Amino acid sequence: MANIDVSTYFFTAAVPVCNEGVVHHGDIDSSPIHVVREVLETLPTALQSHATEKIGLNSPFSRNLRTHFTRFAILDQPYFNGRDHKDALVNIVARTDLLDPQPVDQIPCPYILWMIDFDLPDAEGSGEPRRYLEELWGQMAPELRSIFQYCYGFDQVADAAGFATYMLRCQIETTMPFHDYWYVPPKLSSISIPGLILLPGTGALLLLASLVAAFLRWTGWAWAAGFAGWSDWAWLPWAGLALLIVGLVIDYYWVLWKGRQPYPAAPGSDLRNVLKALYLQQAFTRFAIAQQRRDPAEWGAAFRAFLIATRPADLDGPTQPAGVIRSTLPGDAA
């Protein structure tokens, strides 16, 4: 998988932090990476739990209506998973000293690991992720500056274009994106089995025919080997072998290319549609409860009024705001 799948861009960046010297932060002197940790710890999260609702400070990423998920992590050093595994009998025969340390991977500085899943205006993702990063800078530049202020070279970032260029230099390929909106199997085109076996199958048949002819000639049945004129075709086995190899190589890269194709987008899976669906789900639940004690003859008029009030096809509103756990519906207490 690449960075784009199901009309979503999965952006991953590893941004190096210059953890040198002492910096003054608030009333304390500290290391740059400690300040970065403190900024991330105090960055408001989305209002998606009862505890965070009481705080009332929404995530700055909620200002962007293309952002589904974003995560930050500090990578100080790679995890050590123990010695390279070897068979115990091999260690005994080779007299391997298990107390002799092996080389351990290390990185020269801490990194901010940043992962974002955001909607694509078009399935091809033209202009992304630069367009998204520039858009995000325009919506939350102060917060982004506070997060990346101690990263190498970030002091040269002056505007949205510079921020996007900086992040693109730090981008790494996303190899395992996660998307959970498909609730039915998507309709995917399959690889043509006849197309897969055409070239290698033809090559294998020619190679087999030449081998059979050679065997018949070796056993004295030369007349049978030459009934189709094959007995004098010295190039036939080489042609068959070449077709077989070329066909297998083409099939291999064809399967790899097919596997790299992104899944189609799930219907209504962009953020604005999801927020509208959440709003309608809550509004309709309340509407259905209210109809339980009404005369069934009034249900039709009530439902028409519900449609007028909620405007199901209008993604601009009423809808659920980004980054909250519930919608504000008519009649709710302020």
Protein backbone atom coordinates (compact mmCIF):
# COMPACT_ATOMS: atom_id res chain seq x y z
CA MET A 1 0.00 0.00 0.00
CA ALA A 2 1.12 3.53 -0.67
CA ASN A 3 0.14 6.82 0.97
CA ILE A 4 -3.24 7.03 -0.81
CA ASP A 5 -6.08 4.58 -0.25
CA VAL A 6 -9.91 4.80 -0.24
CA SER A 7 -9.74 8.49 -1.27
CA THR A 8 -7.81 9.21 1.94
CA TYR A 9 -4.23 10.39 2.31
CA PHE A 10 -2.22 8.71 5.08
CA PHE A 11 0.61 11.11 5.86
CA THR A 12 3.56 10.03 8.00
CA ALA A 13 6.56 12.20 8.86
CA ALA A 14 9.58 11.80 11.12
CA VAL A 15 10.81 15.29 12.06
CA PRO A 16 14.26 15.52 13.74
CA VAL A 17 14.50 17.59 16.92
CA CYS A 18 17.66 19.58 17.70
CA ASN A 19 18.01 18.57 21.34
CA GLU A 20 21.08 20.68 22.07
CA GLY A 21 21.59 23.21 24.85
CA VAL A 22 19.12 24.54 27.39
CA VAL A 23 16.04 26.56 26.52
CA HIS A 24 13.95 28.86 28.68
CA HIS A 25 10.32 27.77 28.80
CA GLY A 26 7.95 29.57 31.12
CA ASP A 27 9.59 29.72 34.53
CA ILE A 28 11.99 26.84 34.00
CA ASP A 29 15.09 26.02 31.98
CA SER A 30 14.80 22.72 30.19
CA SER A 31 15.92 20.66 27.21
CA PRO A 32 14.22 21.19 23.83
CA ILE A 33 12.75 17.68 23.70
CA HIS A 34 11.24 18.14 27.16
CA VAL A 35 9.55 21.32 25.95
CA VAL A 36 8.21 19.44 22.92
CA ARG A 37 6.76 16.77 25.21
CA GLU A 38 5.13 19.42 27.38
CA VAL A 39 3.60 21.15 24.35
CA LEU A 40 2.14 17.87 23.11
CA GLU A 41 0.85 16.98 26.58
CA THR A 42 -0.96 20.31 26.88
CA LEU A 43 -2.27 20.40 23.30
CA PRO A 44 -6.08 20.18 23.54
CA THR A 45 -7.56 16.89 22.38
CA ALA A 46 -10.94 16.54 20.74
CA LEU A 47 -14.04 16.79 22.97
CA GLN A 48 -14.81 13.11 22.56
CA SER A 49 -15.25 12.00 26.14
CA HIS A 50 -17.20 13.28 29.13
CA ALA A 51 -13.95 14.35 30.81
CA THR A 52 -12.74 16.40 27.85
CA GLU A 53 -16.19 17.91 27.36
CA LYS A 54 -15.86 19.53 30.77
CA ILE A 55 -12.58 21.16 29.71
CA GLY A 56 -14.25 22.82 26.76
CA LEU A 57 -11.07 23.29 24.69
CA ASN A 58 -11.35 21.57 21.34
CA SER A 59 -8.43 20.28 19.32
CA PRO A 60 -7.00 22.83 16.87
CA PHE A 61 -7.23 20.11 14.20
CA SER A 62 -11.03 20.34 14.44
CA ARG A 63 -10.74 23.60 12.48
CA ASN A 64 -9.97 21.52 9.43
CA LEU A 65 -12.90 19.59 7.94
CA ARG A 66 -10.70 17.11 6.11
CA THR A 67 -8.82 15.72 9.11
CA HIS A 68 -10.07 12.35 10.40
CA PHE A 69 -7.23 11.36 12.73
CA THR A 70 -3.89 12.78 13.79
CA ARG A 71 -1.34 11.40 16.21
CA PHE A 72 2.00 12.59 17.60
CA ALA A 73 4.69 10.48 19.24
CA ILE A 74 8.24 11.15 20.39
CA LEU A 75 10.79 8.67 19.09
CA ASP A 76 13.88 8.83 21.30
CA GLN A 77 15.52 5.57 20.29
CA PRO A 78 14.39 2.41 18.47
CA TYR A 79 13.13 -0.36 20.69
CA PHE A 80 15.63 -3.13 21.42
CA ASN A 81 14.01 -6.46 20.68
CA GLY A 82 16.84 -8.60 22.01
CA ARG A 83 19.59 -10.53 20.28
CA ASP A 84 19.20 -11.77 16.73
CA HIS A 85 17.63 -15.19 16.98
CA LYS A 86 19.73 -18.25 16.20
CA ASP A 87 19.19 -21.92 16.76
CA ALA A 88 20.47 -23.04 20.17
CA LEU A 89 22.38 -25.98 18.64
CA VAL A 90 24.09 -23.63 16.18
CA ASN A 91 25.14 -21.40 19.11
CA ILE A 92 26.60 -24.41 20.92
CA VAL A 93 28.55 -25.63 17.88
CA ALA A 94 29.76 -22.10 17.04
CA ARG A 95 30.50 -21.44 20.72
CA THR A 96 28.59 -18.16 20.58
CA ASP A 97 29.13 -16.01 23.65
CA LEU A 98 25.59 -14.86 24.49
CA LEU A 99 27.01 -12.20 26.80
CA ASP A 100 28.91 -10.59 23.94
CA PRO A 101 26.73 -7.63 22.89
CA GLN A 102 25.58 -7.32 19.30
CA PRO A 103 25.31 -3.96 17.44
CA VAL A 104 22.25 -1.97 18.51
CA ASP A 105 20.46 0.48 16.22
CA GLN A 106 20.56 4.07 17.43
CA ILE A 107 19.35 7.38 16.04
CA PRO A 108 21.41 10.58 16.45
CA CYS A 109 18.55 12.73 17.78
CA PRO A 110 14.93 12.48 18.90
CA TYR A 111 12.19 12.58 16.27
CA ILE A 112 8.60 13.79 16.31
CA LEU A 113 6.56 11.10 14.61
CA TRP A 114 3.45 12.67 13.03
CA MET A 115 0.64 10.68 11.43
CA ILE A 116 -2.46 12.19 9.77
CA ASP A 117 -5.41 10.70 7.86
CA PHE A 118 -7.24 13.29 5.79
CA ASP A 119 -9.80 13.37 2.96
CA LEU A 120 -8.81 13.91 -0.65
CA PRO A 121 -10.92 16.26 -2.79
CA ASP A 122 -10.28 13.87 -5.70
CA ALA A 123 -9.35 10.19 -5.74
CA GLU A 124 -6.02 10.81 -7.50
CA GLY A 125 -4.80 13.14 -4.74
CA SER A 126 -3.41 15.75 -7.11
CA GLY A 127 -1.43 18.40 -5.26
CA GLU A 128 -1.46 16.45 -1.99
CA PRO A 129 -0.22 16.45 0.68
CA ARG A 130 1.17 19.93 -0.03
CA ARG A 131 -2.30 21.44 -0.43
CA TYR A 132 -3.47 19.97 2.87
CA LEU A 133 -0.37 21.07 4.78
CA GLU A 134 -0.67 24.64 3.48
CA GLU A 135 -4.37 24.63 4.40
CA LEU A 136 -3.55 23.37 7.90
CA TRP A 137 -0.90 26.07 8.40
CA GLY A 138 -3.49 28.72 7.64
CA GLN A 139 -5.80 27.29 10.31
CA MET A 140 -3.41 26.53 13.18
CA ALA A 141 0.02 28.06 12.51
CA PRO A 142 0.66 29.06 16.18
CA GLU A 143 0.10 25.50 17.43
CA LEU A 144 2.25 24.00 14.67
CA ARG A 145 5.04 26.45 15.45
CA SER A 146 4.95 25.52 19.13
CA ILE A 147 5.23 21.80 18.28
CA PHE A 148 8.03 21.97 15.72
CA GLN A 149 9.91 25.06 16.96
CA TYR A 150 13.00 23.10 18.05
CA CYS A 151 13.25 20.91 14.96
CA TYR A 152 16.28 21.18 12.71
CA GLY A 153 15.81 23.95 10.15
CA PHE A 154 12.29 24.85 11.23
CA ASP A 155 13.35 28.42 12.04
CA GLN A 156 13.48 28.96 8.26
CA VAL A 157 9.73 28.26 7.90
CA ALA A 158 7.97 31.58 7.33
CA ASP A 159 4.70 30.73 5.59
CA ALA A 160 2.37 27.96 4.48
CA ALA A 161 4.44 27.04 1.43
CA GLY A 162 7.60 26.81 3.54
CA PHE A 163 5.84 24.61 6.12
CA ALA A 164 4.60 22.23 3.44
CA THR A 165 8.05 22.01 1.85
CA TYR A 166 9.65 21.33 5.25
CA MET A 167 7.20 18.53 6.09
CA LEU A 168 7.53 16.93 2.67
CA ARG A 169 11.28 16.61 3.27
CA CYS A 170 10.49 14.69 6.47
CA GLN A 171 7.80 12.45 4.96
CA ILE A 172 8.18 8.67 4.97
CA GLU A 173 5.98 6.28 3.04
CA THR A 174 2.94 4.88 4.83
CA THR A 175 3.05 1.14 4.25
CA MET A 176 0.02 0.03 6.27
CA PRO A 177 -2.87 2.54 6.23
CA PHE A 178 -5.94 1.88 8.35
CA HIS A 179 -9.45 2.82 7.23
CA ASP A 180 -12.62 1.50 8.85
CA TYR A 181 -15.58 2.88 6.86
CA TRP A 182 -16.21 -0.02 4.48
CA TYR A 183 -19.13 -2.02 5.91
CA VAL A 184 -19.68 -4.16 2.78
CA PRO A 185 -17.01 -5.74 0.53
CA PRO A 186 -15.94 -3.18 -2.10
CA LYS A 187 -16.33 -4.04 -5.77
CA LEU A 188 -12.77 -4.66 -6.95
CA SER A 189 -11.65 -5.70 -10.42
CA SER A 190 -9.86 -9.05 -10.51
CA ILE A 191 -6.78 -10.13 -12.44
CA SER A 192 -7.50 -12.04 -15.66
CA ILE A 193 -6.43 -15.65 -15.13
CA PRO A 194 -6.16 -16.33 -18.90
CA GLY A 195 -4.00 -13.21 -19.18
CA LEU A 196 -1.74 -14.46 -16.39
CA ILE A 197 -1.13 -17.86 -17.98
CA LEU A 198 -0.94 -16.78 -21.65
CA LEU A 199 2.79 -16.06 -22.01
CA PRO A 200 4.25 -18.46 -19.42
CA GLY A 201 1.79 -21.17 -20.52
CA THR A 202 2.77 -20.80 -24.18
CA GLY A 203 6.44 -20.86 -23.26
CA ALA A 204 5.94 -23.97 -21.11
CA LEU A 205 4.09 -25.76 -23.94
CA LEU A 206 6.84 -24.96 -26.45
CA LEU A 207 9.51 -26.08 -24.02
CA LEU A 208 7.61 -29.28 -23.27
CA ALA A 209 7.07 -29.98 -26.97
CA SER A 210 10.77 -29.55 -27.70
CA LEU A 211 11.68 -31.86 -24.82
CA VAL A 212 9.23 -34.50 -26.06
CA ALA A 213 10.66 -34.21 -29.57
CA ALA A 214 14.20 -34.59 -28.23
CA PHE A 215 13.17 -37.63 -26.20
CA LEU A 216 11.50 -39.27 -29.20
CA ARG A 217 14.55 -38.61 -31.33
CA TRP A 218 16.81 -40.07 -28.62
CA THR A 219 14.67 -43.21 -28.40
CA GLY A 220 14.73 -43.73 -32.18
CA TRP A 221 11.28 -42.40 -32.89
CA ALA A 222 12.66 -39.56 -34.94
CA TRP A 223 9.78 -39.79 -37.44
CA ALA A 224 7.35 -39.04 -34.61
CA ALA A 225 9.41 -36.09 -33.44
CA GLY A 226 9.51 -34.61 -36.92
CA PHE A 227 5.86 -35.06 -37.91
CA ALA A 228 5.33 -31.35 -37.25
CA GLY A 229 8.75 -30.30 -38.51
CA TRP A 230 10.06 -29.74 -34.99
CA SER A 231 13.04 -32.05 -35.16
CA ASP A 232 15.21 -29.45 -36.88
CA TRP A 233 14.03 -26.41 -34.88
CA ALA A 234 16.99 -25.98 -32.55
CA TRP A 235 15.72 -22.58 -31.44
CA LEU A 236 12.38 -23.97 -30.21
CA PRO A 237 13.39 -24.86 -26.61
CA TRP A 238 15.17 -21.53 -26.22
CA ALA A 239 12.12 -19.68 -27.47
CA GLY A 240 9.91 -21.61 -25.07
CA LEU A 241 12.26 -20.95 -22.15
CA ALA A 242 12.43 -17.24 -23.01
CA LEU A 243 8.63 -16.96 -23.22
CA LEU A 244 8.28 -18.78 -19.92
CA ILE A 245 10.74 -16.47 -18.10
CA VAL A 246 9.39 -13.27 -19.67
CA GLY A 247 5.81 -14.33 -18.91
CA LEU A 248 6.59 -15.05 -15.26
CA VAL A 249 8.39 -11.70 -14.86
CA ILE A 250 5.46 -9.82 -16.44
CA ASP A 251 2.96 -11.68 -14.26
CA TYR A 252 5.00 -10.89 -11.13
CA TYR A 253 5.07 -7.16 -11.77
CA TRP A 254 1.45 -7.19 -12.92
CA VAL A 255 0.35 -8.71 -9.59
CA LEU A 256 2.49 -6.20 -7.66
CA TRP A 257 1.03 -3.29 -9.65
CA LYS A 258 -2.49 -4.58 -9.05
CA GLY A 259 -1.83 -4.90 -5.33
CA ARG A 260 -0.65 -1.29 -5.13
CA GLN A 261 -3.87 0.10 -6.56
CA PRO A 262 -5.87 1.98 -3.88
CA TYR A 263 -9.26 0.78 -2.75
CA PRO A 264 -12.19 2.87 -3.92
CA ALA A 265 -13.68 5.26 -1.40
CA ALA A 266 -16.49 3.96 0.77
CA PRO A 267 -19.77 5.79 0.06
CA GLY A 268 -20.13 8.87 2.23
CA SER A 269 -16.88 8.32 4.12
CA ASP A 270 -15.42 11.84 3.92
CA LEU A 271 -15.49 13.81 7.17
CA ARG A 272 -18.33 16.17 6.24
CA ASN A 273 -20.60 13.23 5.34
CA VAL A 274 -19.63 11.40 8.53
CA LEU A 275 -20.43 14.46 10.68
CA LYS A 276 -23.78 14.89 8.93
CA ALA A 277 -24.57 11.20 9.45
CA LEU A 278 -23.79 11.45 13.17
CA TYR A 279 -26.07 14.46 13.47
CA LEU A 280 -28.93 12.72 11.64
CA GLN A 281 -28.49 9.57 13.71
CA GLN A 282 -28.95 11.47 16.95
CA ALA A 283 -31.72 13.70 15.60
CA PHE A 284 -33.69 10.78 14.18
CA THR A 285 -33.32 8.77 17.40
CA ARG A 286 -34.86 11.65 19.33
CA PHE A 287 -37.57 12.07 16.65
CA ALA A 288 -38.48 8.36 16.75
CA ILE A 289 -38.81 8.42 20.54
CA ALA A 290 -41.06 11.49 20.36
CA GLN A 291 -43.42 9.74 17.91
CA GLN A 292 -44.16 6.83 20.23
CA ARG A 293 -46.92 8.71 22.05
CA ARG A 294 -48.39 10.47 19.01
CA ASP A 295 -51.33 9.60 16.81
CA PRO A 296 -50.03 7.59 13.81
CA ALA A 297 -52.03 9.92 11.57
CA GLU A 298 -49.62 12.70 12.56
CA TRP A 299 -46.44 10.77 11.72
CA GLY A 300 -46.32 11.80 8.06
CA ALA A 301 -46.54 15.52 8.77
CA ALA A 302 -44.05 15.17 11.62
CA PHE A 303 -41.55 13.35 9.40
CA ARG A 304 -41.85 15.99 6.69
CA ALA A 305 -41.16 18.65 9.32
CA PHE A 306 -38.15 16.61 10.48
CA LEU A 307 -36.73 16.53 6.96
CA ILE A 308 -37.21 20.27 6.55
CA ALA A 309 -35.49 20.96 9.88
CA THR A 310 -32.54 18.58 9.46
CA ARG A 311 -31.95 18.96 5.66
CA PRO A 312 -30.31 15.51 5.17
CA ALA A 313 -28.72 16.43 1.83
CA ASP A 314 -27.16 19.67 3.12
CA LEU A 315 -23.64 18.99 4.43
CA ASP A 316 -23.21 22.60 5.52
CA GLY A 317 -25.81 22.34 8.24
CA PRO A 318 -27.29 21.56 10.53
CA THR A 319 -24.53 19.08 11.28
CA GLN A 320 -22.25 17.90 14.07
CA PRO A 321 -19.16 20.05 14.67
CA ALA A 322 -15.79 18.37 14.21
CA GLY A 323 -14.01 16.98 17.25
CA VAL A 324 -17.04 16.55 19.58
CA ILE A 325 -18.76 13.48 20.94
CA ARG A 326 -22.35 14.63 20.38
CA SER A 327 -24.41 17.08 18.40
CA THR A 328 -26.26 20.06 19.76
CA LEU A 329 -29.92 19.52 18.85
CA PRO A 330 -32.89 21.88 19.06
CA GLY A 331 -34.22 21.91 22.62
CA ASP A 332 -30.86 21.10 24.24
CA ALA A 333 -29.93 23.24 27.22
CA ALA A 334 -27.26 25.83 26.48
